[in-house]
Protein backbone atom coordinates (compact mmCIF):
# COMPACT_ATOMS: atom_id res chain seq x y z
CA MET A 1 13.73 11.41 48.45
CA ALA A 2 15.66 11.10 51.59
CA PHE A 3 14.06 8.99 54.44
CA SER A 4 14.21 10.63 57.89
CA ILE A 5 14.08 7.80 60.41
CA LYS A 6 14.76 8.60 64.11
CA HIS A 7 13.50 5.92 66.22
CA GLY A 8 14.44 2.66 67.41
CA LEU A 9 18.06 1.52 66.59
CA PHE A 10 18.24 4.47 64.08
CA GLN A 11 18.76 7.05 66.91
CA TYR A 12 22.34 5.38 67.58
CA ASP A 13 23.27 6.28 63.87
CA LEU A 14 22.97 2.42 62.87
CA THR A 15 20.82 1.24 59.93
CA ASP A 16 18.25 -1.41 61.15
CA HIS A 17 18.13 -3.61 58.06
CA HIS A 18 15.98 -5.99 60.05
CA ALA A 19 13.33 -3.42 60.81
CA VAL A 20 13.35 -2.32 56.92
CA LEU A 21 12.63 -5.90 55.99
CA GLY A 22 10.21 -6.74 58.85
CA VAL A 23 12.24 -9.78 60.10
CA SER A 24 13.72 -10.30 63.74
CA VAL A 25 17.32 -9.78 64.25
CA THR A 26 17.72 -13.67 64.73
CA ALA A 27 16.34 -14.23 61.19
CA ASP A 28 18.52 -16.81 59.18
CA PRO A 29 19.39 -15.97 55.54
CA GLY A 30 16.42 -18.20 54.36
CA THR A 31 13.89 -16.17 56.15
CA VAL A 32 15.68 -13.05 55.10
CA ARG A 33 15.32 -14.08 51.51
CA LYS A 34 11.60 -15.04 51.61
CA ARG A 35 10.53 -11.71 53.32
CA TYR A 36 12.54 -9.71 50.62
CA LEU A 37 10.86 -11.55 47.82
CA LYS A 38 7.51 -10.83 49.25
CA LEU A 39 8.25 -7.11 49.90
CA ALA A 40 9.87 -6.90 46.22
CA ARG A 41 6.47 -8.01 44.77
CA LEU A 42 4.35 -5.85 47.06
CA LEU A 43 6.48 -2.76 46.13
CA HIS A 44 6.55 -3.58 42.38
CA PRO A 45 4.47 -1.32 39.96
CA ASP A 46 2.44 -4.27 38.73
CA SER A 47 1.09 -4.46 42.33
CA LEU A 48 0.28 -0.97 42.75
CA ARG A 49 -1.77 -0.16 39.55
CA ASN A 50 -4.61 1.12 41.04
CA ALA A 51 -2.28 3.19 43.57
CA SER A 52 -1.87 7.07 43.19
CA GLU A 53 1.22 8.44 41.70
CA GLU A 54 2.51 9.56 44.71
CA ASP A 55 2.30 5.94 46.41
CA LYS A 56 4.10 4.44 43.39
CA ARG A 57 6.73 6.96 43.51
CA GLN A 58 7.31 6.32 47.32
CA ALA A 59 7.26 2.75 46.95
CA SER A 60 9.97 2.65 44.35
CA GLU A 61 12.04 4.89 46.57
CA LEU A 62 11.37 2.43 49.40
CA LEU A 63 12.44 -0.42 47.37
CA SER A 64 15.61 1.15 46.05
CA LYS A 65 17.04 2.95 48.88
CA LEU A 66 15.78 0.90 51.96
CA VAL A 67 14.83 -2.64 51.07
CA ASN A 68 17.21 -3.59 48.24
CA PRO A 69 20.15 -2.20 50.35
CA ALA A 70 18.78 -4.21 53.63
CA TYR A 71 18.67 -7.37 51.69
CA GLU A 72 22.42 -6.77 50.20
CA VAL A 73 23.58 -6.53 53.73
CA LEU A 74 21.73 -9.47 55.36
CA LYS A 75 21.93 -12.09 52.54
CA GLY A 76 25.69 -12.20 52.23
CA LYS A 77 29.22 -11.96 53.91
CA ALA A 78 28.41 -8.52 55.25
CA ARG A 79 25.76 -10.06 57.31
CA ASN A 80 28.19 -11.30 60.29
CA GLU A 81 29.69 -7.91 60.64
CA HIS A 82 26.18 -6.24 60.85
CA GLN A 83 25.12 -9.18 63.52
CA ILE A 84 28.14 -8.16 65.48
CA VAL A 85 27.29 -4.42 65.68
CA LEU A 86 23.78 -5.50 67.03
CA GLU A 87 25.46 -7.69 69.62
CA GLN A 88 27.73 -4.98 71.01
CA THR A 89 24.78 -2.46 71.01
CA GLY A 90 22.64 -4.91 73.00
CA LYS A 91 25.48 -5.47 75.48
CA ARG A 92 26.16 -1.83 75.61
CA LEU A 93 22.23 -0.92 76.36
CA ALA A 94 22.05 -3.73 79.01
CA SER A 95 25.20 -2.47 80.74
CA GLU A 96 24.19 1.29 80.71
CA GLY A 97 20.76 0.31 82.25
CA GLY A 98 17.96 2.93 82.04
CA THR A 99 14.94 3.13 79.74
CA PRO A 100 15.45 3.77 76.11
CA LYS A 101 13.68 6.71 74.43
CA LEU A 102 10.49 4.53 73.04
CA ASN A 103 7.52 6.37 71.37
CA SER A 104 5.17 3.35 70.21
CA ASP A 105 2.97 1.82 72.55
CA ILE A 106 3.80 -1.81 71.66
CA ALA A 107 7.59 -1.25 72.58
CA GLN A 108 6.91 0.31 75.66
CA SER A 109 4.52 -2.75 76.62
CA PHE A 110 7.36 -5.17 75.71
CA LEU A 111 10.03 -3.33 77.62
CA LYS A 112 7.74 -3.61 80.90
CA ALA A 113 6.44 -7.01 80.16
CA GLY A 114 8.17 -10.21 82.12
CA GLY A 115 8.39 -13.49 80.85
CA ASP A 116 10.16 -15.16 77.77
CA ALA A 117 11.55 -12.31 75.85
CA ASN A 118 11.64 -14.20 72.68
CA SER A 119 7.87 -15.25 72.55
CA GLY A 120 6.87 -11.63 73.19
CA TYR A 121 9.21 -10.19 70.74
CA THR A 122 8.03 -12.77 68.10
CA GLN A 123 4.56 -12.06 68.67
CA ALA A 124 4.94 -8.38 68.63
CA LEU A 125 7.19 -8.28 65.72
CA ASN A 126 4.87 -10.54 63.45
CA ALA A 127 1.64 -8.29 64.25
CA ILE A 128 3.44 -5.29 62.98
CA ALA A 129 5.27 -6.80 59.97
CA LYS A 130 2.12 -8.19 58.37
CA LYS A 131 0.96 -4.51 57.65
CA GLN A 132 4.46 -2.97 57.15
CA TYR A 133 4.14 -1.60 53.82
CA ARG A 134 0.57 -1.00 53.46
CA PRO A 135 -0.46 1.80 53.24
CA ILE A 136 2.51 3.09 51.69
CA GLY A 137 2.45 6.17 53.36
CA SER A 138 2.79 4.84 56.94
CA ALA A 139 6.00 2.28 55.82
CA ILE A 140 8.41 4.77 57.57
CA ALA A 141 6.39 4.71 60.83
CA THR A 142 6.21 1.26 60.92
CA ILE A 143 10.06 0.72 60.40
CA GLU A 144 10.67 2.68 63.40
CA ILE A 145 8.11 0.77 65.75
CA LEU A 146 9.83 -2.67 64.50
CA SER A 147 13.33 -0.80 65.37
CA GLU A 148 12.00 0.07 68.67
CA LEU A 149 10.92 -3.55 69.42
CA ASN A 150 14.59 -4.76 68.01
CA LEU A 151 16.17 -2.42 70.34
CA VAL A 152 14.07 -3.33 73.42
CA TYR A 153 14.92 -7.12 72.42
CA LEU A 154 18.69 -6.65 72.02
CA MET A 155 18.79 -4.81 75.57
CA LYS A 156 16.65 -7.54 77.11
CA GLN A 157 18.85 -10.21 75.85
CA GLY A 158 22.07 -8.27 76.34
CA GLY A 159 23.34 -8.96 72.91
CA LYS A 160 23.01 -12.48 73.33
CA GLY A 161 21.60 -15.12 70.60
CA VAL A 162 21.82 -12.34 67.76
CA ARG A 163 24.24 -14.72 65.82
CA SER A 164 23.05 -18.00 67.04
CA THR A 165 21.19 -18.79 63.67
CA ALA A 166 23.81 -17.52 61.26
CA PRO A 167 26.19 -20.36 60.90
CA LYS A 168 24.62 -23.12 58.85
CA THR A 169 27.32 -24.88 57.35
CA PRO A 170 28.04 -27.31 60.03
CA SER A 171 24.68 -29.19 58.87
CA ASN A 172 26.58 -30.29 55.83
CA THR A 173 28.94 -32.54 57.90
CA ALA A 174 26.15 -34.86 58.70
CA LYS A 175 25.95 -36.13 55.07
CA PRO A 176 28.60 -38.81 55.53
CA SER A 177 28.02 -41.74 57.77
CA GLY A 178 30.66 -43.29 60.17
CA LYS A 179 32.41 -42.59 63.23
CA THR A 180 33.85 -39.36 62.18
CA THR A 181 30.17 -37.99 61.54
CA THR A 182 29.15 -38.22 65.04
CA ALA A 183 32.03 -36.54 66.40
CA ARG A 184 32.15 -33.62 63.74
CA PRO A 185 28.64 -32.29 64.39
CA THR A 186 29.20 -32.14 68.22
CA ALA A 187 32.55 -30.17 67.75
CA ALA A 188 30.58 -27.77 65.13
CA ASN A 189 27.81 -27.19 67.56
CA ASN A 190 30.25 -25.81 69.99
CA ALA A 191 32.55 -24.01 67.44
CA PRO A 192 30.36 -21.15 65.83
CA PRO A 193 30.11 -18.46 68.52
CA PRO A 194 34.11 -18.16 68.94
CA PRO A 195 35.19 -17.72 65.13
CA ALA A 196 32.37 -15.18 64.90
CA THR A 197 34.05 -12.73 67.17
CA PRO A 198 36.36 -10.11 65.32
CA SER A 199 39.84 -11.12 65.47
CA SER A 200 41.36 -8.02 66.35
CA PRO A 201 40.03 -4.40 67.67
CA VAL A 202 40.32 -3.21 64.04
CA GLU A 203 37.55 -5.37 62.95
CA ARG A 204 35.05 -3.73 65.20
CA TYR A 205 36.05 -0.15 63.30
CA ILE A 206 35.72 -1.94 60.09
CA ALA A 207 32.19 -3.26 60.96
CA ARG A 208 31.19 0.23 62.31
CA ALA A 209 32.44 1.79 59.15
CA GLN A 210 30.51 -0.59 56.95
CA GLU A 211 27.19 0.29 58.84
CA TYR A 212 27.92 4.20 58.06
CA ILE A 213 28.75 3.24 54.36
CA THR A 214 25.62 1.20 54.04
CA LYS A 215 23.89 4.40 55.16
CA ASN A 216 25.97 6.64 52.91
CA ASN A 217 27.30 8.41 55.85
CA PHE A 218 30.87 8.20 54.36
CA ALA A 219 32.48 11.01 56.59
CA LYS A 220 31.99 8.89 59.80
CA ALA A 221 33.13 5.97 58.06
CA VAL A 222 36.32 7.59 57.49
CA LEU A 223 36.38 8.59 61.14
CA GLU A 224 36.06 4.99 62.25
CA LEU A 225 38.75 3.60 59.97
CA ARG A 226 41.28 6.45 60.70
CA ASP A 227 40.76 5.53 64.16
CA GLY A 228 41.32 1.68 63.25
CA LEU A 229 44.53 2.37 61.51
CA LYS A 230 45.67 4.05 64.50
CA LEU A 231 45.80 0.49 66.12
CA ASP A 232 47.16 -1.14 63.13
CA PRO A 233 48.64 1.23 60.51
CA LYS A 234 49.21 -1.59 57.87
CA ASN A 235 45.87 -3.31 57.91
CA SER A 236 44.82 -3.78 54.26
CA ALA A 237 41.29 -4.32 54.79
CA CYS A 238 40.95 -1.23 56.71
CA HIS A 239 43.23 0.82 54.02
CA ALA A 240 40.89 -0.64 51.40
CA MET A 241 37.62 0.22 53.09
CA LEU A 242 38.96 3.94 53.48
CA GLY A 243 39.99 4.07 49.90
CA MET A 244 36.46 3.03 49.09
CA ALA A 245 34.96 5.64 51.34
CA TYR A 246 37.05 8.32 49.64
CA LEU A 247 36.10 6.96 46.38
CA LYS A 248 32.35 7.21 47.09
CA GLN A 249 33.03 10.94 47.97
CA ASP A 250 35.08 11.35 44.66
CA GLN A 251 38.09 12.22 46.59
CA ILE A 252 40.29 10.67 44.04
CA SER A 253 43.81 11.47 45.22
CA MET A 254 42.88 10.08 48.80
CA ALA A 255 41.11 7.04 47.60
CA LYS A 256 44.29 6.39 45.68
CA VAL A 257 46.60 6.71 48.38
CA HIS A 258 44.78 4.39 50.59
CA VAL A 259 43.96 1.89 47.91
CA THR A 260 47.64 1.61 47.04
CA LYS A 261 48.74 1.14 50.85
CA ALA A 262 46.05 -1.67 51.06
CA LEU A 263 47.73 -3.48 47.88
CA GLN A 264 51.08 -2.90 49.07
CA SER A 265 50.26 -4.71 52.36
CA ASN A 266 48.10 -7.27 50.66
CA PRO A 267 48.11 -7.57 46.73
CA ASN A 268 45.29 -9.48 46.97
CA GLU A 269 42.97 -7.54 49.09
CA PRO A 270 39.43 -7.82 47.32
CA ILE A 271 38.08 -4.30 48.06
CA ALA A 272 41.21 -2.72 46.99
CA LEU A 273 41.17 -4.77 43.90
CA GLN A 274 37.61 -3.48 43.04
CA CYS A 275 38.51 0.12 43.85
CA LYS A 276 41.84 -0.08 41.81
CA THR A 277 39.54 -0.85 38.78
CA VAL A 278 37.34 2.01 39.26
CA LEU A 279 40.26 4.42 40.03
CA GLU A 280 41.98 3.25 36.93
CA LYS A 281 38.70 3.92 34.72
CA LYS A 282 38.59 7.40 36.42
CA LEU A 283 42.23 8.13 35.78
CA GLY A 284 42.32 6.65 32.46
CA LYS A 285 45.72 5.03 33.41
CA PRO A 286 47.01 2.10 35.38
CA LEU A 287 47.27 2.62 39.05
CA GLY A 288 51.01 1.76 39.91
CA VAL A 289 51.45 -0.11 43.08
CA SER A 290 54.91 -1.27 43.86
CA SER A 291 55.05 -3.80 46.69
CA SER A 292 58.62 -4.40 47.70
CA SER A 293 57.45 -7.15 49.84
CA ALA A 294 55.53 -8.96 47.04
CA LYS A 295 58.49 -8.45 44.59
CA SER A 296 61.11 -9.65 46.88
CA SER A 297 59.00 -12.66 47.91
CA GLY A 298 58.13 -13.45 44.08
CA LYS A 299 61.99 -13.42 43.43
CA SER A 300 63.01 -15.44 46.61
CA THR A 301 60.30 -18.09 46.08
CA GLY A 302 59.70 -17.99 42.38
CA LYS A 303 55.92 -17.74 42.99
CA SER A 304 55.03 -14.56 41.05
CA ALA A 305 53.22 -16.59 38.59
CA ARG A 306 50.89 -17.90 41.69
CA THR A 307 50.49 -14.43 43.02
CA SER A 308 49.38 -13.15 39.76
CA GLY A 309 47.13 -16.02 39.34
CA SER A 310 45.68 -15.32 42.76
CA ARG A 311 45.01 -11.70 41.95
CA LYS A 312 42.74 -12.79 39.08
CA THR A 313 40.89 -15.25 41.40
CA ASP A 314 40.25 -12.47 43.93
CA LYS A 315 39.16 -10.00 40.97
CA SER A 316 36.92 -12.64 39.79
CA GLN A 317 34.99 -13.26 43.04
CA SER A 318 34.47 -9.73 43.51
CA GLY A 319 34.75 -10.56 46.96
CA GLY A 320 35.61 -10.04 50.41
CA ARG A 321 33.50 -9.38 53.42
CA PHE A 322 32.38 -5.99 51.79
CA GLY A 323 32.44 -6.72 47.96
CA GLY A 324 28.69 -6.48 47.49
CA LEU A 325 28.64 -3.00 49.14
CA PHE A 326 31.02 -1.42 46.98
CA GLY A 327 29.71 -2.84 43.48
CA ASN A 328 26.01 -1.84 44.45
CA LYS A 329 26.65 1.70 45.41
CA ASN A 330 28.59 2.41 42.20
CA LYS A 331 26.02 1.25 39.67
């Protein structure tokens, strides 16, 4: 079953993972996990013993095609890229002005309401989320309403505050006691916003491509990544993502080209290493990657052993910003 969701943020070709899970766009990973576990139990067959066969089937589809993928994005490293996309969407909607297309009364009321946007948003969202997947048949309609609330909130805020709850690591610096401890949290509190900004314009293309990939819209992901490569033709992350997008479409030769280019630029590119493993299984032979820069560097500095070791480390971590995306979609 293919779910057709056309309202709220979905109308901008953006998968609203927060609406799928029924959490606010500012929700931290802990809140996301709590909500996911609740929905996973709610949609589990054991909770639907008295439901109709149609409801059981639809619950299984909702869990596997919407809820699980949403959690995969919001729980890990892909979360920050998704938040960046939401932030940019909010800024764009605010700058364009006008009234967005809204079908639900609650979203229209929220748009017209004055006062504290955070308070109105939280109250409305919680009221809808309580009955999000009950009955099962109204789940998609409820997701659309939640996404409309998210759309209005992002527009009202101009994209601000979306990532304010994301950085949680600075709290670890409060452990030690002493003079340095008082100084470090202060700096940490001011530091999070700048690092979260993409380091180059190419990152924005990669972030948008990731959105399309999570939505299985690989053709649009390819277009975004090709545009990104025009700005930086040797960007290893961009080549790796492009190789992955082609691999998802079984375009093996194109996937091979871009995975090879990614590894030539950066032999330790995590996504490229994952794709390389899959390609080698499909081709039945090793994927030869000749990196003249890596070879010369290894000879001149005597670090070839270290390079080999770091490759193994990256492979074992299955890592990178988009590692989870690749692994999940190919199972």
